[in-house]
Amino acid sequence: MNHLDAAVSTTFGQLPALLLTSPDGAQANVTLYGAHLISWRGADGRERLFCSAKSALDGSKAIRGGVPVIFPQFAERGSGMRHGFARVSNWRVLDQGLDEGWAFAVFALAPSDLAPQHAQAWPHAFELRLRIAIRANELTMAFEVRNTGATPFPFAAALHTYFLVDDVGSVRILGVEREELAISDKFDRVYQGVEPRLALVDGGVVLTLRQDGFADAVVWNPGLEDAAALADMADEEYRRFVCIEPARLEGLALQPGEAWVGEYQVS
């Protein structure tokens, strides 16, 4: 495999996408809409991410599944649009290729890339970069926020990861509470100041989650009742995923010329 073979332009639904393939066979599919990692298969061929069969894949609304990029607002914690505009904006590809066996791509977003209503609603000068890399059964994501203007701005950020599981009632999450966490129904909780290493146990599969720069973590599943109310999720699909999200929620101001980086590794 040469440098150019690591990333191939493709589509996912109706959305332009980039398909990454590492020399050992790991694959990741990323839509330019949202720089949204929608599928990740390790070299073992196993899909790790959930995507709803009812999700819009035409750019009309955010994708339900994969890894939505949350910026500059988390949920309704602010006056802007829920979860921010990054996940519903078209990003650019800055770089792609191979690096020591890793297939990678770098995506960027700036005010000039935004729809007018989003640029007007959040009138700050910034650049976002998201680097996604895969090899073997490992995934790394590095999310950089840079203030390119003359005034500070506060922001929140998260990587809203939907992990595919056999049954949410059987999974265990280690590291967010003193005891292992089990989920039986609707669950939505923010954990502040978490340990940098968490684990998701799904039967005989254990995923290790490491985060740096992200001080917080969010665990979410809509449960039966809320899932039934979501137009972009089938009623029983809630059983097939759990969201464990590295997050930066405190909203501290980023000064002019400064950058913040959050890193996430799954293996």
Foldseek 3Di string as FASTA:
>chain_A
DFFVVQWDWDADQQFIWIWGAFPLGWIWIAGLFQSFTAWTAASVRDTWKDFFPLFDRNLPDFGRIGWGKFPFADAPPDDDDHSACSNSWGWAWDDWGDDPRKTKTKIKDFLVRDDVVRCVVPVFGKMWMWMWIGHHRKIKIKIKIARADQFKWFGKIKTFHKTFAPFQQQKWKPFQDPDIDGDDFWDKDKGFQTDQWMWIDHPPDIKIKGKDLQRIKIKGAGGQPRQVVDSRHDRPCSGGTITIMRMRHPRDIAHHGGMGMMMMMID
